């Protein structure tokens, strides 16, 4: 199997993800979920995602759609389209699934997935993380991961503008 095929097979619709989740639950996988825009991937993202993947056996990433990012960050974003952001994320060996969502928050997606572990950066208070209520009610846990200082997509964009 070609590597591009391996990667694209990890990009799921929400309907397909529901089917895969049934199998993962049947085999007692520990499902970890995180989300974000991941517009320009950088070392901070990689460190964050690898640490998130260590919290379980399957890592699912909820990816904001292009239209969602435009609403949240303005018309000039995203820099990279959802198709290619999803492909880049799915290309990492420690990522088991990527699913694009259209809403401004992943609450509906989290309610569907009901992950064992919900992960966000430590710049969030645990109780304020979108989906906290769903995950705790379904017996899961919510974890935060310290962010790598000096890396952010917005800061990288500003730095590039100055070149």
N, C-alpha and C. Protein backbone atom coordinates (compact mmCIF):
# COMPACT_ATOMS: atom_id res chain seq x y z
N UNK A 1 0.85 -1.18 0.00
CA UNK A 1 0.00 0.00 0.00
C UNK A 1 0.90 1.24 0.00
N UNK A 2 0.53 2.20 -0.80
CA UNK A 2 1.29 3.45 -0.87
C UNK A 2 1.05 4.28 0.38
N UNK A 3 2.07 5.02 0.77
CA UNK A 3 1.99 5.82 1.98
C UNK A 3 0.88 6.86 1.93
N UNK A 4 0.65 7.46 0.76
CA UNK A 4 -0.42 8.46 0.66
C UNK A 4 -1.78 7.81 0.96
N UNK A 5 -1.94 6.57 0.55
CA UNK A 5 -3.18 5.84 0.81
C UNK A 5 -3.33 5.57 2.30
N UNK A 6 -2.22 5.19 2.95
CA UNK A 6 -2.27 4.97 4.41
C UNK A 6 -2.75 6.23 5.12
N UNK A 7 -2.26 7.37 4.67
CA UNK A 7 -2.63 8.63 5.30
C UNK A 7 -4.08 8.99 5.02
N UNK A 8 -4.49 8.94 3.77
CA UNK A 8 -5.86 9.35 3.43
C UNK A 8 -6.90 8.42 4.05
N UNK A 9 -6.53 7.19 4.32
CA UNK A 9 -7.47 6.26 4.97
C UNK A 9 -7.73 6.61 6.43
N UNK A 10 -6.95 7.52 6.99
CA UNK A 10 -7.16 7.95 8.37
C UNK A 10 -7.98 9.23 8.46
N UNK A 11 -8.42 9.75 7.33
CA UNK A 11 -9.28 10.94 7.31
C UNK A 11 -10.71 10.45 7.15
N UNK A 12 -11.51 10.65 8.20
CA UNK A 12 -12.85 10.07 8.26
C UNK A 12 -13.95 11.13 8.21
N UNK A 13 -15.06 10.74 7.61
CA UNK A 13 -16.28 11.52 7.79
C UNK A 13 -16.79 11.18 9.19
N UNK A 14 -17.70 11.98 9.71
CA UNK A 14 -18.24 11.68 11.03
C UNK A 14 -19.02 10.37 11.01
N UNK A 15 -19.67 10.07 9.90
CA UNK A 15 -20.42 8.82 9.78
C UNK A 15 -19.49 7.61 9.82
N UNK A 16 -18.39 7.68 9.07
CA UNK A 16 -17.42 6.57 9.05
C UNK A 16 -16.76 6.43 10.41
N UNK A 17 -16.45 7.57 11.04
CA UNK A 17 -15.82 7.52 12.36
C UNK A 17 -16.70 6.78 13.36
N UNK A 18 -18.00 6.97 13.30
CA UNK A 18 -18.92 6.29 14.22
C UNK A 18 -18.80 4.77 14.08
N UNK A 19 -18.64 4.28 12.88
CA UNK A 19 -18.48 2.84 12.63
C UNK A 19 -17.15 2.35 13.20
N UNK A 20 -16.10 3.11 12.95
CA UNK A 20 -14.77 2.73 13.44
C UNK A 20 -14.72 2.75 14.97
N UNK A 21 -15.39 3.72 15.57
CA UNK A 21 -15.42 3.81 17.03
C UNK A 21 -16.04 2.57 17.66
N UNK A 22 -17.06 2.02 17.02
CA UNK A 22 -17.68 0.79 17.55
C UNK A 22 -16.66 -0.33 17.64
N UNK A 23 -15.84 -0.47 16.61
CA UNK A 23 -14.81 -1.51 16.60
C UNK A 23 -13.75 -1.23 17.66
N UNK A 24 -13.32 0.01 17.75
CA UNK A 24 -12.31 0.36 18.75
C UNK A 24 -12.83 0.12 20.16
N UNK A 25 -14.08 0.42 20.40
CA UNK A 25 -14.65 0.18 21.73
C UNK A 25 -14.77 -1.33 22.01
N UNK A 26 -15.13 -2.08 20.98
CA UNK A 26 -15.25 -3.53 21.13
C UNK A 26 -13.91 -4.15 21.53
N UNK A 27 -12.82 -3.60 21.01
CA UNK A 27 -11.48 -4.12 21.31
C UNK A 27 -10.81 -3.36 22.46
N UNK A 28 -11.61 -2.57 23.20
CA UNK A 28 -11.17 -1.88 24.43
C UNK A 28 -10.01 -0.90 24.21
N UNK A 29 -10.05 -0.22 23.08
CA UNK A 29 -9.06 0.83 22.84
C UNK A 29 -9.37 2.03 23.74
N UNK A 30 -8.34 2.72 24.16
CA UNK A 30 -8.50 3.93 24.96
C UNK A 30 -8.42 5.11 23.98
N UNK A 31 -9.55 5.76 23.77
CA UNK A 31 -9.68 6.78 22.74
C UNK A 31 -9.40 8.17 23.29
N UNK A 32 -8.44 8.84 22.65
CA UNK A 32 -8.04 10.19 23.02
C UNK A 32 -8.51 11.12 21.91
N UNK A 33 -9.05 12.27 22.30
CA UNK A 33 -9.51 13.26 21.34
C UNK A 33 -8.92 14.62 21.65
N UNK A 34 -8.48 15.30 20.61
CA UNK A 34 -8.10 16.69 20.72
C UNK A 34 -8.56 17.38 19.45
N UNK A 35 -8.51 18.69 19.45
CA UNK A 35 -8.96 19.42 18.26
C UNK A 35 -8.19 20.71 18.09
N UNK A 36 -8.32 21.27 16.89
CA UNK A 36 -7.69 22.54 16.62
C UNK A 36 -7.72 22.87 15.15
N UNK A 37 -7.11 24.01 14.83
CA UNK A 37 -7.02 24.46 13.43
C UNK A 37 -5.80 23.84 12.74
N UNK A 38 -4.70 23.74 13.45
CA UNK A 38 -3.46 23.16 12.92
C UNK A 38 -3.14 23.72 11.53
N UNK A 39 -3.18 25.06 11.45
CA UNK A 39 -3.05 25.72 10.15
C UNK A 39 -1.65 25.58 9.58
N UNK A 40 -0.66 25.96 10.32
CA UNK A 40 0.73 25.75 9.90
C UNK A 40 1.35 24.87 10.97
N UNK A 41 1.59 23.61 10.64
CA UNK A 41 2.13 22.68 11.64
C UNK A 41 3.54 23.10 12.02
N UNK A 42 3.81 23.06 13.32
CA UNK A 42 5.12 23.46 13.83
C UNK A 42 5.51 22.53 14.98
N UNK A 43 6.74 22.63 15.48
CA UNK A 43 7.20 21.73 16.54
C UNK A 43 6.31 21.71 17.78
N UNK A 44 5.68 22.83 18.10
CA UNK A 44 4.77 22.85 19.24
C UNK A 44 3.58 21.92 19.04
N UNK A 45 3.05 21.90 17.83
CA UNK A 45 1.95 20.97 17.52
C UNK A 45 2.40 19.52 17.67
N UNK A 46 3.57 19.23 17.12
CA UNK A 46 4.05 17.84 17.14
C UNK A 46 4.27 17.36 18.57
N UNK A 47 4.89 18.18 19.39
CA UNK A 47 5.10 17.78 20.78
C UNK A 47 3.77 17.59 21.50
N UNK A 48 2.86 18.51 21.30
CA UNK A 48 1.53 18.43 21.91
C UNK A 48 0.81 17.14 21.48
N UNK A 49 0.80 16.88 20.18
CA UNK A 49 0.07 15.71 19.66
C UNK A 49 0.70 14.39 20.08
N UNK A 50 2.03 14.33 20.13
CA UNK A 50 2.67 13.08 20.58
C UNK A 50 2.36 12.82 22.04
N UNK A 51 2.36 13.88 22.85
CA UNK A 51 2.01 13.71 24.27
C UNK A 51 0.55 13.29 24.41
N UNK A 52 -0.32 13.87 23.60
CA UNK A 52 -1.74 13.47 23.64
C UNK A 52 -1.88 12.00 23.27
N UNK A 53 -1.17 11.57 22.25
CA UNK A 53 -1.29 10.16 21.81
C UNK A 53 -0.82 9.19 22.89
N UNK A 54 0.11 9.62 23.72
CA UNK A 54 0.61 8.77 24.82
C UNK A 54 -0.44 8.53 25.90
N UNK A 55 -1.53 9.28 25.90
CA UNK A 55 -2.56 9.15 26.93
C UNK A 55 -3.57 8.05 26.62
N UNK A 56 -3.42 7.37 25.49
CA UNK A 56 -4.35 6.31 25.13
C UNK A 56 -3.77 5.43 24.04
N UNK A 57 -4.65 4.69 23.38
CA UNK A 57 -4.19 3.81 22.29
C UNK A 57 -4.64 4.28 20.92
N UNK A 58 -5.60 5.19 20.85
CA UNK A 58 -6.08 5.73 19.58
C UNK A 58 -6.24 7.24 19.73
N UNK A 59 -5.62 7.99 18.83
CA UNK A 59 -5.72 9.45 18.85
C UNK A 59 -6.57 9.92 17.67
N UNK A 60 -7.63 10.64 18.00
CA UNK A 60 -8.50 11.25 16.99
C UNK A 60 -8.32 12.76 17.10
N UNK A 61 -8.13 13.39 15.95
CA UNK A 61 -8.02 14.84 15.92
C UNK A 61 -9.24 15.42 15.21
N UNK A 62 -9.94 16.31 15.90
CA UNK A 62 -11.01 17.09 15.30
C UNK A 62 -10.38 18.33 14.67
N UNK A 63 -10.61 18.51 13.38
CA UNK A 63 -9.97 19.59 12.64
C UNK A 63 -11.01 20.62 12.20
N UNK A 64 -10.81 21.87 12.61
CA UNK A 64 -11.72 22.93 12.17
C UNK A 64 -11.70 23.04 10.65
N UNK A 65 -12.88 23.13 10.06
CA UNK A 65 -12.98 23.31 8.61
C UNK A 65 -12.49 24.70 8.23
N UNK A 66 -12.27 24.91 6.94
CA UNK A 66 -11.85 26.21 6.45
C UNK A 66 -12.87 27.30 6.83
N UNK A 67 -14.16 26.99 6.64
CA UNK A 67 -15.19 28.00 6.95
C UNK A 67 -15.24 28.30 8.44
N UNK A 68 -15.03 27.31 9.25
CA UNK A 68 -14.99 27.51 10.70
C UNK A 68 -13.83 28.43 11.09
N UNK A 69 -12.67 28.19 10.51
CA UNK A 69 -11.50 29.02 10.82
C UNK A 69 -11.72 30.46 10.37
N UNK A 70 -12.30 30.64 9.19
CA UNK A 70 -12.58 32.00 8.72
C UNK A 70 -13.47 32.76 9.70
N UNK A 71 -14.47 32.07 10.24
CA UNK A 71 -15.34 32.72 11.23
C UNK A 71 -14.58 33.06 12.51
N UNK A 72 -13.67 32.18 12.91
CA UNK A 72 -12.95 32.36 14.17
C UNK A 72 -11.74 33.29 14.07
N UNK A 73 -11.05 33.24 12.93
CA UNK A 73 -9.75 33.94 12.84
C UNK A 73 -9.68 34.99 11.74
N UNK A 74 -10.74 35.10 10.94
CA UNK A 74 -10.75 36.13 9.90
C UNK A 74 -10.58 35.56 8.50
N UNK A 75 -10.87 36.39 7.52
CA UNK A 75 -10.90 35.99 6.11
C UNK A 75 -9.55 35.54 5.55
N UNK A 76 -8.45 35.95 6.15
CA UNK A 76 -7.13 35.58 5.63
C UNK A 76 -6.67 34.20 6.09
N UNK A 77 -7.44 33.59 6.93
CA UNK A 77 -7.09 32.26 7.43
C UNK A 77 -8.15 31.27 6.98
N UNK A 78 -7.84 30.03 6.81
CA UNK A 78 -6.55 29.40 7.07
C UNK A 78 -5.55 29.67 5.94
N UNK A 79 -4.30 29.45 6.24
CA UNK A 79 -3.25 29.56 5.24
C UNK A 79 -3.25 28.30 4.37
N UNK A 80 -3.48 27.17 4.99
CA UNK A 80 -3.49 25.87 4.31
C UNK A 80 -4.90 25.29 4.37
N UNK A 81 -5.38 24.76 3.26
CA UNK A 81 -6.76 24.26 3.18
C UNK A 81 -6.96 23.03 4.07
N UNK A 82 -8.22 22.80 4.42
CA UNK A 82 -8.58 21.67 5.29
C UNK A 82 -8.13 20.34 4.70
N UNK A 83 -8.21 20.21 3.39
CA UNK A 83 -7.79 18.96 2.73
C UNK A 83 -6.33 18.65 3.06
N UNK A 84 -5.46 19.64 2.95
CA UNK A 84 -4.04 19.41 3.17
C UNK A 84 -3.67 19.42 4.65
N UNK A 85 -4.38 20.19 5.46
CA UNK A 85 -4.14 20.12 6.91
C UNK A 85 -4.49 18.73 7.42
N UNK A 86 -5.62 18.19 6.94
CA UNK A 86 -6.03 16.84 7.35
C UNK A 86 -5.00 15.80 6.89
N UNK A 87 -4.52 15.94 5.67
CA UNK A 87 -3.54 15.00 5.14
C UNK A 87 -2.24 15.04 5.94
N UNK A 88 -1.78 16.24 6.28
CA UNK A 88 -0.55 16.35 7.06
C UNK A 88 -0.71 15.68 8.43
N UNK A 89 -1.82 15.95 9.10
CA UNK A 89 -2.05 15.34 10.41
C UNK A 89 -2.16 13.82 10.31
N UNK A 90 -2.90 13.35 9.31
CA UNK A 90 -3.09 11.90 9.15
C UNK A 90 -1.80 11.19 8.78
N UNK A 91 -0.82 11.92 8.29
CA UNK A 91 0.46 11.31 7.89
C UNK A 91 1.34 10.92 9.07
N UNK A 92 1.04 11.43 10.25
CA UNK A 92 1.83 11.06 11.42
C UNK A 92 1.41 9.69 11.91
N UNK A 93 2.40 8.86 12.22
CA UNK A 93 2.13 7.49 12.65
C UNK A 93 1.32 7.43 13.94
N UNK A 94 1.43 8.43 14.79
CA UNK A 94 0.76 8.40 16.09
C UNK A 94 -0.68 8.93 16.03
N UNK A 95 -1.13 9.34 14.85
CA UNK A 95 -2.50 9.80 14.66
C UNK A 95 -3.31 8.67 14.03
N UNK A 96 -4.45 8.35 14.63
CA UNK A 96 -5.28 7.25 14.14
C UNK A 96 -6.48 7.71 13.35
N UNK A 97 -6.86 8.96 13.51
CA UNK A 97 -8.00 9.47 12.76
C UNK A 97 -8.06 10.98 12.80
N UNK A 98 -8.50 11.55 11.67
CA UNK A 98 -8.74 12.98 11.57
C UNK A 98 -10.15 13.16 11.03
N UNK A 99 -10.91 14.03 11.67
CA UNK A 99 -12.28 14.30 11.23
C UNK A 99 -12.49 15.82 11.23
N UNK A 100 -12.98 16.32 10.11
CA UNK A 100 -13.21 17.76 9.96
C UNK A 100 -14.60 18.10 10.50
N UNK A 101 -14.67 19.22 11.25
CA UNK A 101 -15.98 19.66 11.73
C UNK A 101 -16.22 21.11 11.31
N UNK A 102 -17.48 21.43 11.05
CA UNK A 102 -17.87 22.74 10.51
C UNK A 102 -18.20 23.77 11.58
N UNK A 103 -18.58 23.32 12.76
CA UNK A 103 -19.02 24.23 13.82
C UNK A 103 -17.81 25.02 14.36
N UNK A 104 -18.09 26.04 15.14
CA UNK A 104 -17.02 26.82 15.75
C UNK A 104 -16.34 26.05 16.89
N UNK A 105 -17.05 25.15 17.52
CA UNK A 105 -16.47 24.31 18.58
C UNK A 105 -16.75 22.84 18.24
N UNK A 106 -15.97 21.94 18.83
CA UNK A 106 -16.16 20.51 18.55
C UNK A 106 -17.16 19.84 19.50
N UNK A 107 -18.01 20.60 20.18
CA UNK A 107 -18.90 20.01 21.18
C UNK A 107 -19.72 18.85 20.61
N UNK A 108 -20.35 19.03 19.47
CA UNK A 108 -21.17 17.96 18.87
C UNK A 108 -20.32 16.74 18.53
N UNK A 109 -19.14 16.98 18.02
CA UNK A 109 -18.24 15.87 17.68
C UNK A 109 -17.82 15.11 18.94
N UNK A 110 -17.49 15.83 19.98
CA UNK A 110 -17.11 15.19 21.25
C UNK A 110 -18.29 14.40 21.81
N UNK A 111 -19.49 14.95 21.70
CA UNK A 111 -20.69 14.25 22.19
C UNK A 111 -20.91 12.96 21.42
N UNK A 112 -20.54 12.94 20.15
CA UNK A 112 -20.66 11.72 19.34
C UNK A 112 -19.58 10.72 19.69
N UNK A 113 -18.35 11.20 19.82
CA UNK A 113 -17.20 10.30 20.07
C UNK A 113 -17.19 9.79 21.50
N UNK A 114 -17.48 10.67 22.46
CA UNK A 114 -17.37 10.34 23.89
C UNK A 114 -16.00 9.68 24.18
N UNK A 115 -14.94 10.44 23.97
CA UNK A 115 -13.60 9.87 24.17
C UNK A 115 -13.33 9.51 25.62
N UNK A 116 -12.41 8.59 25.82
CA UNK A 116 -11.97 8.26 27.17
C UNK A 116 -11.16 9.41 27.75
N UNK A 117 -10.44 10.11 26.87
CA UNK A 117 -9.60 11.22 27.29
C UNK A 117 -9.79 12.37 26.31
N UNK A 118 -10.10 13.55 26.85
CA UNK A 118 -10.19 14.78 26.07
C UNK A 118 -8.98 15.61 26.44
N UNK A 119 -8.26 16.11 25.43
CA UNK A 119 -7.01 16.82 25.67
C UNK A 119 -7.04 18.20 25.02
N UNK A 120 -6.54 19.19 25.77
CA UNK A 120 -6.31 20.54 25.24
C UNK A 120 -5.03 21.08 25.86
N UNK A 121 -4.59 22.21 25.36
CA UNK A 121 -3.39 22.84 25.89
C UNK A 121 -3.62 23.37 27.28
N UNK A 122 -2.55 23.49 28.04
CA UNK A 122 -2.63 23.94 29.42
C UNK A 122 -2.98 25.43 29.55
N UNK A 123 -3.17 26.10 28.41
CA UNK A 123 -3.64 27.48 28.47
C UNK A 123 -5.14 27.54 28.75
N UNK A 124 -5.79 26.38 28.82
CA UNK A 124 -7.21 26.26 29.16
C UNK A 124 -7.36 25.76 30.59
N UNK A 125 -8.39 26.22 31.28
CA UNK A 125 -8.77 25.63 32.57
C UNK A 125 -9.60 24.40 32.22
N UNK A 126 -9.34 23.29 32.87
CA UNK A 126 -9.98 22.02 32.55
C UNK A 126 -11.50 22.15 32.47
N UNK A 127 -12.10 22.80 33.45
CA UNK A 127 -13.56 22.91 33.51
C UNK A 127 -14.14 23.77 32.39
N UNK A 128 -13.30 24.56 31.73
CA UNK A 128 -13.77 25.45 30.66
C UNK A 128 -13.54 24.86 29.26
N UNK A 129 -12.96 23.69 29.18
CA UNK A 129 -12.69 23.06 27.88
C UNK A 129 -14.00 22.58 27.28
N UNK A 130 -14.22 22.94 26.03
CA UNK A 130 -15.43 22.52 25.32
C UNK A 130 -15.49 20.99 25.32
N UNK A 131 -16.60 20.44 25.77
CA UNK A 131 -16.79 19.00 25.84
C UNK A 131 -16.49 18.39 27.20
N UNK A 132 -15.97 19.20 28.11
CA UNK A 132 -15.68 18.73 29.47
C UNK A 132 -16.88 18.02 30.06
N UNK A 133 -18.05 18.66 29.95
CA UNK A 133 -19.27 18.11 30.54
C UNK A 133 -19.62 16.74 29.98
N UNK A 134 -19.49 16.59 28.68
CA UNK A 134 -19.82 15.33 28.00
C UNK A 134 -18.87 14.21 28.43
N UNK A 135 -17.58 14.53 28.42
CA UNK A 135 -16.56 13.51 28.72
C UNK A 135 -16.67 13.05 30.17
N UNK A 136 -16.81 13.98 31.09
CA UNK A 136 -16.92 13.62 32.51
C UNK A 136 -18.20 12.80 32.75
N UNK A 137 -19.31 13.22 32.15
CA UNK A 137 -20.58 12.50 32.31
C UNK A 137 -20.52 11.08 31.77
N UNK A 138 -19.66 10.85 30.76
CA UNK A 138 -19.57 9.50 30.18
C UNK A 138 -18.43 8.68 30.81
N UNK A 139 -17.84 9.20 31.89
CA UNK A 139 -16.82 8.43 32.61
C UNK A 139 -15.40 8.66 32.14
N UNK A 140 -15.19 9.62 31.26
CA UNK A 140 -13.85 9.91 30.77
C UNK A 140 -13.14 10.94 31.63
N UNK A 141 -11.95 11.32 31.18
CA UNK A 141 -11.16 12.32 31.89
C UNK A 141 -10.75 13.42 30.91
N UNK A 142 -10.43 14.58 31.47
CA UNK A 142 -9.97 15.71 30.68
C UNK A 142 -8.57 16.07 31.16
N UNK A 143 -7.64 16.15 30.22
CA UNK A 143 -6.24 16.43 30.54
C UNK A 143 -5.78 17.67 29.79
N UNK A 144 -4.81 18.37 30.37
CA UNK A 144 -4.17 19.47 29.66
C UNK A 144 -2.68 19.16 29.50
N UNK A 145 -2.12 19.69 28.43
CA UNK A 145 -0.71 19.48 28.12
C UNK A 145 -0.05 20.84 28.00
N UNK A 146 1.07 20.99 28.67
CA UNK A 146 1.82 22.25 28.62
C UNK A 146 2.26 22.51 27.18
N UNK A 147 2.04 23.74 26.74
CA UNK A 147 2.42 24.12 25.38
C UNK A 147 3.91 24.45 25.31
N UNK A 148 4.49 24.25 24.14
CA UNK A 148 5.89 24.57 23.92
C UNK A 148 6.00 26.07 23.68
N UNK A 149 6.77 26.73 24.50
CA UNK A 149 6.92 28.18 24.37
C UNK A 149 7.63 28.54 23.07
N UNK A 150 7.22 29.66 22.50
CA UNK A 150 7.89 30.15 21.30
C UNK A 150 7.29 29.69 20.00
N UNK A 151 6.25 28.86 20.06
CA UNK A 151 5.62 28.37 18.84
C UNK A 151 4.13 28.63 18.86
N UNK A 152 3.66 29.33 17.85
CA UNK A 152 2.24 29.48 17.60
C UNK A 152 2.09 29.83 16.13
N UNK A 153 1.00 29.40 15.53
CA UNK A 153 0.78 29.68 14.12
C UNK A 153 0.70 31.18 13.88
N UNK A 154 -0.01 31.90 14.73
CA UNK A 154 -0.14 33.35 14.56
C UNK A 154 1.22 34.03 14.63
N UNK A 155 2.06 33.61 15.57
CA UNK A 155 3.40 34.20 15.70
C UNK A 155 4.25 33.89 14.47
N UNK A 156 4.12 32.67 13.94
CA UNK A 156 4.87 32.31 12.73
C UNK A 156 4.43 33.16 11.53
N UNK A 157 3.13 33.37 11.41
CA UNK A 157 2.62 34.20 10.31
C UNK A 157 3.18 35.62 10.42
N UNK A 158 3.19 36.17 11.63
CA UNK A 158 3.73 37.52 11.83
C UNK A 158 5.22 37.57 11.49
N UNK A 159 5.95 36.56 11.88
CA UNK A 159 7.38 36.49 11.60
C UNK A 159 7.63 36.46 10.09
N UNK A 160 6.85 35.68 9.38
CA UNK A 160 6.98 35.58 7.92
C UNK A 160 6.69 36.92 7.26
N UNK A 161 5.71 37.63 7.77
CA UNK A 161 5.36 38.96 7.21
C UNK A 161 6.53 39.93 7.32
N UNK A 162 7.35 39.75 8.34
CA UNK A 162 8.47 40.66 8.58
C UNK A 162 9.69 40.34 7.71
N UNK A 163 9.68 39.20 7.05
CA UNK A 163 10.85 38.82 6.22
C UNK A 163 10.93 39.65 4.96
